[in-house]
Amino acid sequence: MPKIHCPDCSRDIGMHELEGKTTTVRSGGFSTRYRCPFCRTDMDNITDYLV
């Protein structure tokens, strides 16, 4: 299973551990932000942090 490397606390996070928040965008789409459960850092694009 892929893991995400947090850019702030440098911990490896399982995909199931990430906290996600999806909101609607004015253009009619959706935007999802992910948060590290350890240091609470927000990440917009988690593909940048795949380990």
Protein backbone atom coordinates (compact mmCIF):
# COMPACT_ATOMS: atom_id res chain seq x y z
CA MET A 1 0.00 0.00 0.00
CA PRO A 2 1.45 3.43 -0.91
CA LYS A 3 2.44 5.82 1.82
CA ILE A 4 2.61 9.60 1.93
CA HIS A 5 5.71 11.35 3.30
CA CYS A 6 4.69 14.41 5.31
CA PRO A 7 6.78 17.43 4.25
CA ASP A 8 6.71 18.96 7.75
CA CYS A 9 7.11 16.16 10.29
CA SER A 10 8.81 13.69 7.88
CA ARG A 11 6.63 10.79 8.96
CA ASP A 12 5.31 8.22 6.51
CA ILE A 13 1.52 8.12 6.61
CA GLY A 14 -0.70 5.33 5.31
CA MET A 15 -3.39 6.41 2.87
CA HIS A 16 -6.04 5.24 5.34
CA GLU A 17 -4.58 7.52 8.04
CA LEU A 18 -4.91 10.77 6.07
CA GLU A 19 -7.70 13.12 7.02
CA GLY A 20 -9.50 14.41 3.94
CA LYS A 21 -11.77 17.40 3.47
CA THR A 22 -13.70 17.87 0.24
CA THR A 23 -15.34 21.19 -0.59
CA THR A 24 -17.23 22.47 -3.60
CA VAL A 25 -15.59 25.01 -5.88
CA ARG A 26 -17.36 27.92 -7.56
CA SER A 27 -16.67 26.46 -10.99
CA GLY A 28 -18.91 23.53 -10.08
CA GLY A 29 -16.20 21.01 -9.21
CA PHE A 30 -14.69 19.71 -6.03
CA SER A 31 -11.45 20.34 -4.17
CA THR A 32 -9.96 17.88 -1.69
CA ARG A 33 -7.28 18.73 0.86
CA TYR A 34 -5.51 16.15 2.96
CA ARG A 35 -4.11 16.61 6.46
CA CYS A 36 -1.36 14.79 8.33
CA PRO A 37 -2.87 13.21 11.46
CA PHE A 38 0.36 13.79 13.41
CA CYS A 39 1.33 17.43 12.80
CA ARG A 40 -1.90 18.67 11.10
CA THR A 41 -0.10 19.94 7.97
CA ASP A 42 -2.41 20.45 4.97
CA MET A 43 -1.40 18.98 1.60
CA ASP A 44 -3.21 19.90 -1.61
CA ASN A 45 -1.62 17.37 -3.95
CA ILE A 46 -0.58 14.18 -2.17
CA THR A 47 0.94 12.68 -5.32
CA ASP A 48 3.89 15.01 -4.73
CA TYR A 49 4.59 13.17 -1.46
CA LEU A 50 4.15 9.51 -2.42
CA VAL A 51 6.88 7.25 -1.05
